[in-house]
Amino acid sequence: MEFKVFGKWDPTDVVVEDPGLRRYLSLKSIAVPHSSARNANKQFHQIEVHLVERLMNKLMVTGHEGKTHKRSSGRNTGKKMGTYKIVRDAFEIIERRSKKNPLQVLVSAVSNASPREETTMLKYGGVSYHQSVDVSPKRRLDVALRYLAVGAAKSAFKKKKSMAQALAEEIISASKHDTKCYSVGRKDEIERVAKAAR
């Protein structure tokens, strides 16, 4: 039996154009995007977790940027039903504005917001410097979802705009590869730094 995401949107129509992310984007048919972390002890368990559920999980900890806690994660920490409603409302806004399947818009947003190259610190003889490295597909997906969630949280923080509206705008902008949105801007910045450190 085929289930639609939130009972409305069919994941079988979605096409993943990025060949690097194709194996790592889980768009299987599920009734409710909630796995209860049943695969948490497996090494590559996140590959099997649905893309929408991973976005919901990222929305619960939007205050973190790297290793620092820049601002409060708000009142969504640990509240999956709250993020469930935010994502569902955002998908309805996306469908209204773009007249497309919101899952397809999300997939293209993730593809456009995921960095292909970044830097790492190397230390030789007490001197540390940046070295450009390729990003694994799993990390590309994680970073893109984090940037989408943080960008939405930043644009909704202390504003009249709701989190669902902010998330919808961030996803639509990223799917159009708009460099003014947070996620694509951060990706371009990371790739520019990595290019300089080759």
C-alpha atoms as a PDB file:
ATOM      1  CA  MET A   1       0.000   0.000   0.000  1.00  0.00           C
ATOM      2  CA  GLU A   2       1.365   3.410  -1.002  1.00  0.00           C
ATOM      3  CA  PHE A   3       1.217   6.201   1.567  1.00  0.00           C
ATOM      4  CA  LYS A   4       1.482   9.898   0.780  1.00  0.00           C
ATOM      5  CA  VAL A   5       3.507  12.316   2.914  1.00  0.00           C
ATOM      6  CA  PHE A   6       1.078  14.079   5.299  1.00  0.00           C
ATOM      7  CA  GLY A   7      -1.664  12.239   3.385  1.00  0.00           C
ATOM      8  CA  LYS A   8      -1.363  14.694   0.468  1.00  0.00           C
ATOM      9  CA  TRP A   9       1.888  14.530  -1.490  1.00  0.00           C
ATOM     10  CA  ASP A  10       3.092  11.517  -3.449  1.00  0.00           C
ATOM     11  CA  PRO A  11       6.841  10.786  -3.078  1.00  0.00           C
ATOM     12  CA  THR A  12       6.948   8.472  -6.122  1.00  0.00           C
ATOM     13  CA  ASP A  13       6.786  11.440  -8.544  1.00  0.00           C
ATOM     14  CA  VAL A  14       9.895  13.094  -7.074  1.00  0.00           C
ATOM     15  CA  VAL A  15      13.037  13.082  -9.236  1.00  0.00           C
ATOM     16  CA  VAL A  16      16.471  13.530  -7.609  1.00  0.00           C
ATOM     17  CA  GLU A  17      18.656  15.154 -10.260  1.00  0.00           C
ATOM     18  CA  ASP A  18      21.869  15.242  -8.194  1.00  0.00           C
ATOM     19  CA  PRO A  19      23.567  11.841  -8.755  1.00  0.00           C
ATOM     20  CA  GLY A  20      25.667  12.212  -5.588  1.00  0.00           C
ATOM     21  CA  LEU A  21      22.627  12.581  -3.333  1.00  0.00           C
ATOM     22  CA  ARG A  22      20.366  10.054  -5.079  1.00  0.00           C
ATOM     23  CA  ARG A  23      21.270   7.094  -2.820  1.00  0.00           C
ATOM     24  CA  TYR A  24      21.136   9.163   0.362  1.00  0.00           C
ATOM     25  CA  LEU A  25      17.760  10.883  -0.042  1.00  0.00           C
ATOM     26  CA  SER A  26      15.160   8.553   1.445  1.00  0.00           C
ATOM     27  CA  LEU A  27      11.743   9.250  -0.083  1.00  0.00           C
ATOM     28  CA  LYS A  28      10.099   5.931   0.666  1.00  0.00           C
ATOM     29  CA  SER A  29       6.365   5.728   1.183  1.00  0.00           C
ATOM     30  CA  ILE A  30       5.493   6.193   4.877  1.00  0.00           C
ATOM     31  CA  ALA A  31       2.283   7.022   6.730  1.00  0.00           C
ATOM     32  CA  VAL A  32       3.872   9.263   9.381  1.00  0.00           C
ATOM     33  CA  PRO A  33       7.432  10.693   9.171  1.00  0.00           C
ATOM     34  CA  HIS A  34       8.478   9.448  12.604  1.00  0.00           C
ATOM     35  CA  SER A  35      10.841   6.471  13.042  1.00  0.00           C
ATOM     36  CA  SER A  36      11.311   6.740  16.857  1.00  0.00           C
ATOM     37  CA  ALA A  37      15.096   6.482  16.271  1.00  0.00           C
ATOM     38  CA  ARG A  38      14.821   2.713  15.886  1.00  0.00           C
ATOM     39  CA  ASN A  39      17.991   2.613  13.774  1.00  0.00           C
ATOM     40  CA  ALA A  40      20.027   4.957  15.984  1.00  0.00           C
ATOM     41  CA  ASN A  41      22.650   2.335  16.907  1.00  0.00           C
ATOM     42  CA  LYS A  42      23.458   1.500  13.279  1.00  0.00           C
ATOM     43  CA  GLN A  43      26.384   3.293  11.663  1.00  0.00           C
ATOM     44  CA  PHE A  44      24.670   4.713   8.573  1.00  0.00           C
ATOM     45  CA  HIS A  45      21.122   4.712   9.921  1.00  0.00           C
ATOM     46  CA  GLN A  46      20.359   8.231   8.702  1.00  0.00           C
ATOM     47  CA  ILE A  47      20.325   7.049   5.094  1.00  0.00           C
ATOM     48  CA  GLU A  48      17.114   5.126   5.843  1.00  0.00           C
ATOM     49  CA  VAL A  49      15.364   7.999   7.674  1.00  0.00           C
ATOM     50  CA  HIS A  50      12.832   9.870   5.514  1.00  0.00           C
ATOM     51  CA  LEU A  51      13.941  13.289   4.229  1.00  0.00           C
ATOM     52  CA  VAL A  52      10.938  15.056   5.802  1.00  0.00           C
ATOM     53  CA  GLU A  53      11.649  13.481   9.199  1.00  0.00           C
ATOM     54  CA  ARG A  54      15.282  14.601   9.028  1.00  0.00           C
ATOM     55  CA  LEU A  55      14.140  18.154   8.299  1.00  0.00           C
ATOM     56  CA  MET A  56      11.770  17.965  11.284  1.00  0.00           C
ATOM     57  CA  ASN A  57      14.633  16.772  13.513  1.00  0.00           C
ATOM     58  CA  LYS A  58      16.846  19.672  12.363  1.00  0.00           C
ATOM     59  CA  LEU A  59      14.080  22.165  13.198  1.00  0.00           C
ATOM     60  CA  MET A  60      14.190  21.044  16.833  1.00  0.00           C
ATOM     61  CA  VAL A  61      17.778  22.343  17.334  1.00  0.00           C
ATOM     62  CA  THR A  62      18.075  25.517  15.259  1.00  0.00           C
ATOM     63  CA  GLY A  63      20.151  27.429  17.833  1.00  0.00           C
ATOM     64  CA  HIS A  64      23.364  25.555  17.065  1.00  0.00           C
ATOM     65  CA  GLU A  65      25.820  26.846  14.476  1.00  0.00           C
ATOM     66  CA  GLY A  66      28.811  24.547  14.338  1.00  0.00           C
ATOM     67  CA  LYS A  67      30.016  23.829  17.858  1.00  0.00           C
ATOM     68  CA  THR A  68      28.537  26.972  19.416  1.00  0.00           C
ATOM     69  CA  HIS A  69      25.046  27.702  20.678  1.00  0.00           C
ATOM     70  CA  LYS A  70      24.447  31.112  19.096  1.00  0.00           C
ATOM     71  CA  ARG A  71      20.855  31.652  20.200  1.00  0.00           C
ATOM     72  CA  SER A  72      18.030  29.755  21.816  1.00  0.00           C
ATOM     73  CA  SER A  73      16.548  26.832  19.911  1.00  0.00           C
ATOM     74  CA  GLY A  74      13.196  28.275  20.915  1.00  0.00           C
ATOM     75  CA  ARG A  75      10.363  26.216  22.236  1.00  0.00           C
ATOM     76  CA  ASN A  76      10.677  23.468  19.619  1.00  0.00           C
ATOM     77  CA  THR A  77      13.403  21.449  21.338  1.00  0.00           C
ATOM     78  CA  GLY A  78      12.161  17.880  21.660  1.00  0.00           C
ATOM     79  CA  LYS A  79       8.672  18.742  20.421  1.00  0.00           C
ATOM     80  CA  LYS A  80       8.287  16.676  17.285  1.00  0.00           C
ATOM     81  CA  MET A  81       4.558  17.349  16.923  1.00  0.00           C
ATOM     82  CA  GLY A  82       5.317  21.075  16.803  1.00  0.00           C
ATOM     83  CA  THR A  83       7.858  20.641  14.021  1.00  0.00           C
ATOM     84  CA  TYR A  84       5.477  18.196  12.286  1.00  0.00           C
ATOM     85  CA  LYS A  85       2.873  20.972  12.105  1.00  0.00           C
ATOM     86  CA  ILE A  86       5.465  23.556  10.984  1.00  0.00           C
ATOM     87  CA  VAL A  87       6.666  21.365   8.093  1.00  0.00           C
ATOM     88  CA  ARG A  88       3.105  20.415   7.077  1.00  0.00           C
ATOM     89  CA  ASP A  89       2.022  24.078   7.009  1.00  0.00           C
ATOM     90  CA  ALA A  90       5.201  25.044   5.132  1.00  0.00           C
ATOM     91  CA  PHE A  91       4.491  22.369   2.504  1.00  0.00           C
ATOM     92  CA  GLU A  92       0.961  23.748   2.030  1.00  0.00           C
ATOM     93  CA  ILE A  93       2.402  27.258   1.528  1.00  0.00           C
ATOM     94  CA  ILE A  94       4.978  25.892  -0.956  1.00  0.00           C
ATOM     95  CA  GLU A  95       2.270  24.098  -2.941  1.00  0.00           C
ATOM     96  CA  ARG A  96       0.113  27.252  -3.011  1.00  0.00           C
ATOM     97  CA  ARG A  97       2.971  29.489  -4.185  1.00  0.00           C
ATOM     98  CA  SER A  98       4.873  27.244  -6.588  1.00  0.00           C
ATOM     99  CA  LYS A  99       2.034  24.992  -7.844  1.00  0.00           C
ATOM    100  CA  LYS A 100       4.442  22.021  -7.575  1.00  0.00           C
ATOM    101  CA  ASN A 101       4.852  18.988  -5.342  1.00  0.00           C
ATOM    102  CA  PRO A 102       6.537  20.407  -2.194  1.00  0.00           C
ATOM    103  CA  LEU A 103       8.682  17.260  -1.911  1.00  0.00           C
ATOM    104  CA  GLN A 104      10.183  18.012  -5.334  1.00  0.00           C
ATOM    105  CA  VAL A 105      10.806  21.629  -4.281  1.00  0.00           C
ATOM    106  CA  LEU A 106      12.481  20.400  -1.052  1.00  0.00           C
ATOM    107  CA  VAL A 107      14.716  17.967  -2.968  1.00  0.00           C
ATOM    108  CA  SER A 108      15.892  20.686  -5.364  1.00  0.00           C
ATOM    109  CA  ALA A 109      16.436  23.060  -2.401  1.00  0.00           C
ATOM    110  CA  VAL A 110      18.588  20.452  -0.637  1.00  0.00           C
ATOM    111  CA  SER A 111      20.533  19.854  -3.847  1.00  0.00           C
ATOM    112  CA  ASN A 112      21.201  23.594  -4.287  1.00  0.00           C
ATOM    113  CA  ALA A 113      22.082  24.210  -0.608  1.00  0.00           C
ATOM    114  CA  SER A 114      24.503  21.306  -0.154  1.00  0.00           C
ATOM    115  CA  PRO A 115      28.213  22.217  -0.412  1.00  0.00           C
ATOM    116  CA  ARG A 116      30.405  20.003  -2.587  1.00  0.00           C
ATOM    117  CA  GLU A 117      33.716  21.194  -1.144  1.00  0.00           C
ATOM    118  CA  GLU A 118      34.801  22.516   2.257  1.00  0.00           C
ATOM    119  CA  THR A 119      37.956  22.988   4.334  1.00  0.00           C
ATOM    120  CA  THR A 120      39.552  21.064   7.163  1.00  0.00           C
ATOM    121  CA  MET A 121      42.408  22.019   9.497  1.00  0.00           C
ATOM    122  CA  LEU A 122      45.780  20.336   9.004  1.00  0.00           C
ATOM    123  CA  LYS A 123      48.740  20.725  11.339  1.00  0.00           C
ATOM    124  CA  TYR A 124      52.329  20.331  10.148  1.00  0.00           C
ATOM    125  CA  GLY A 125      55.183  21.130  12.538  1.00  0.00           C
ATOM    126  CA  GLY A 126      53.038  23.227  14.835  1.00  0.00           C
ATOM    127  CA  VAL A 127      51.630  25.304  11.980  1.00  0.00           C
ATOM    128  CA  SER A 128      47.951  24.771  11.197  1.00  0.00           C
ATOM    129  CA  TYR A 129      46.350  25.680   7.887  1.00  0.00           C
ATOM    130  CA  HIS A 130      43.166  25.004   5.939  1.00  0.00           C
ATOM    131  CA  GLN A 131      43.056  22.295   3.288  1.00  0.00           C
ATOM    132  CA  SER A 132      40.253  21.900   0.763  1.00  0.00           C
ATOM    133  CA  VAL A 133      38.433  18.530   0.879  1.00  0.00           C
ATOM    134  CA  ASP A 134      35.452  16.978  -0.887  1.00  0.00           C
ATOM    135  CA  VAL A 135      32.265  16.576   1.154  1.00  0.00           C
ATOM    136  CA  SER A 136      30.684  13.138   1.487  1.00  0.00           C
ATOM    137  CA  PRO A 137      27.080  12.842   0.235  1.00  0.00           C
ATOM    138  CA  LYS A 138      25.771  12.079   3.731  1.00  0.00           C
ATOM    139  CA  ARG A 139      27.389  15.211   5.165  1.00  0.00           C
ATOM    140  CA  ARG A 140      26.191  17.273   2.187  1.00  0.00           C
ATOM    141  CA  LEU A 141      22.618  16.295   3.020  1.00  0.00           C
ATOM    142  CA  ASP A 142      23.058  16.972   6.761  1.00  0.00           C
ATOM    143  CA  VAL A 143      24.616  20.393   6.178  1.00  0.00           C
ATOM    144  CA  ALA A 144      21.964  21.420   3.626  1.00  0.00           C
ATOM    145  CA  LEU A 145      19.096  20.495   5.963  1.00  0.00           C
ATOM    146  CA  ARG A 146      20.786  22.317   8.845  1.00  0.00           C
ATOM    147  CA  TYR A 147      21.231  25.473   6.752  1.00  0.00           C
ATOM    148  CA  LEU A 148      17.584  25.372   5.646  1.00  0.00           C
ATOM    149  CA  ALA A 149      16.412  25.029   9.268  1.00  0.00           C
ATOM    150  CA  VAL A 150      18.761  27.716  10.641  1.00  0.00           C
ATOM    151  CA  GLY A 151      17.913  30.121   7.801  1.00  0.00           C
ATOM    152  CA  ALA A 152      14.197  29.739   8.505  1.00  0.00           C
ATOM    153  CA  ALA A 153      14.725  30.185  12.256  1.00  0.00           C
ATOM    154  CA  LYS A 154      16.818  33.328  11.723  1.00  0.00           C
ATOM    155  CA  SER A 155      14.260  34.946   9.432  1.00  0.00           C
ATOM    156  CA  ALA A 156      11.387  34.171  11.852  1.00  0.00           C
ATOM    157  CA  PHE A 157      13.252  35.135  15.055  1.00  0.00           C
ATOM    158  CA  LYS A 158      11.562  38.144  16.766  1.00  0.00           C
ATOM    159  CA  LYS A 159       9.437  38.785  13.658  1.00  0.00           C
ATOM    160  CA  LYS A 160       5.705  38.606  12.940  1.00  0.00           C
ATOM    161  CA  LYS A 161       6.420  35.946  10.319  1.00  0.00           C
ATOM    162  CA  SER A 162       5.580  32.406  11.442  1.00  0.00           C
ATOM    163  CA  MET A 163       8.151  29.624  11.352  1.00  0.00           C
ATOM    164  CA  ALA A 164       6.135  27.801   8.663  1.00  0.00           C
ATOM    165  CA  GLN A 165       6.158  30.891   6.420  1.00  0.00           C
ATOM    166  CA  ALA A 166       9.886  31.388   6.980  1.00  0.00           C
ATOM    167  CA  LEU A 167      10.637  27.722   6.208  1.00  0.00           C
ATOM    168  CA  ALA A 168       8.510  27.832   3.046  1.00  0.00           C
ATOM    169  CA  GLU A 169      10.301  30.983   1.834  1.00  0.00           C
ATOM    170  CA  GLU A 170      13.724  29.476   2.588  1.00  0.00           C
ATOM    171  CA  ILE A 171      12.924  26.232   0.722  1.00  0.00           C
ATOM    172  CA  ILE A 172      11.443  28.045  -2.295  1.00  0.00           C
ATOM    173  CA  SER A 173      14.407  30.466  -2.479  1.00  0.00           C
ATOM    174  CA  ALA A 174      16.939  27.636  -2.186  1.00  0.00           C
ATOM    175  CA  SER A 175      15.163  25.616  -4.886  1.00  0.00           C
ATOM    176  CA  LYS A 176      15.509  28.623  -7.227  1.00  0.00           C
ATOM    177  CA  HIS A 177      19.210  28.947  -6.251  1.00  0.00           C
ATOM    178  CA  ASP A 178      18.654  32.463  -4.897  1.00  0.00           C
ATOM    179  CA  THR A 179      21.931  33.599  -3.297  1.00  0.00           C
ATOM    180  CA  LYS A 180      20.075  36.005  -0.978  1.00  0.00           C
ATOM    181  CA  CYS A 181      18.650  33.123   1.062  1.00  0.00           C
ATOM    182  CA  TYR A 182      20.723  31.925   4.030  1.00  0.00           C
ATOM    183  CA  SER A 183      21.303  28.315   2.950  1.00  0.00           C
ATOM    184  CA  VAL A 184      22.589  29.004  -0.575  1.00  0.00           C
ATOM    185  CA  GLY A 185      24.635  31.978   0.657  1.00  0.00           C
ATOM    186  CA  ARG A 186      26.371  29.839   3.293  1.00  0.00           C
ATOM    187  CA  LYS A 187      27.032  27.085   0.744  1.00  0.00           C
ATOM    188  CA  ASP A 188      28.600  29.587  -1.688  1.00  0.00           C
ATOM    189  CA  GLU A 189      30.718  31.067   1.111  1.00  0.00           C
ATOM    190  CA  ILE A 190      32.029  27.625   2.176  1.00  0.00           C
ATOM    191  CA  GLU A 191      32.861  26.671  -1.417  1.00  0.00           C
ATOM    192  CA  ARG A 192      34.605  30.030  -2.000  1.00  0.00           C
ATOM    193  CA  VAL A 193      36.809  29.534   1.088  1.00  0.00           C
ATOM    194  CA  ALA A 194      37.557  25.951  -0.003  1.00  0.00           C
ATOM    195  CA  LYS A 195      38.525  27.105  -3.499  1.00  0.00           C
ATOM    196  CA  ALA A 196      40.985  29.605  -2.001  1.00  0.00           C
ATOM    197  CA  ALA A 197      42.521  26.864   0.188  1.00  0.00           C
ATOM    198  CA  ARG A 198      43.254  24.389  -2.624  1.00  0.00           C
END
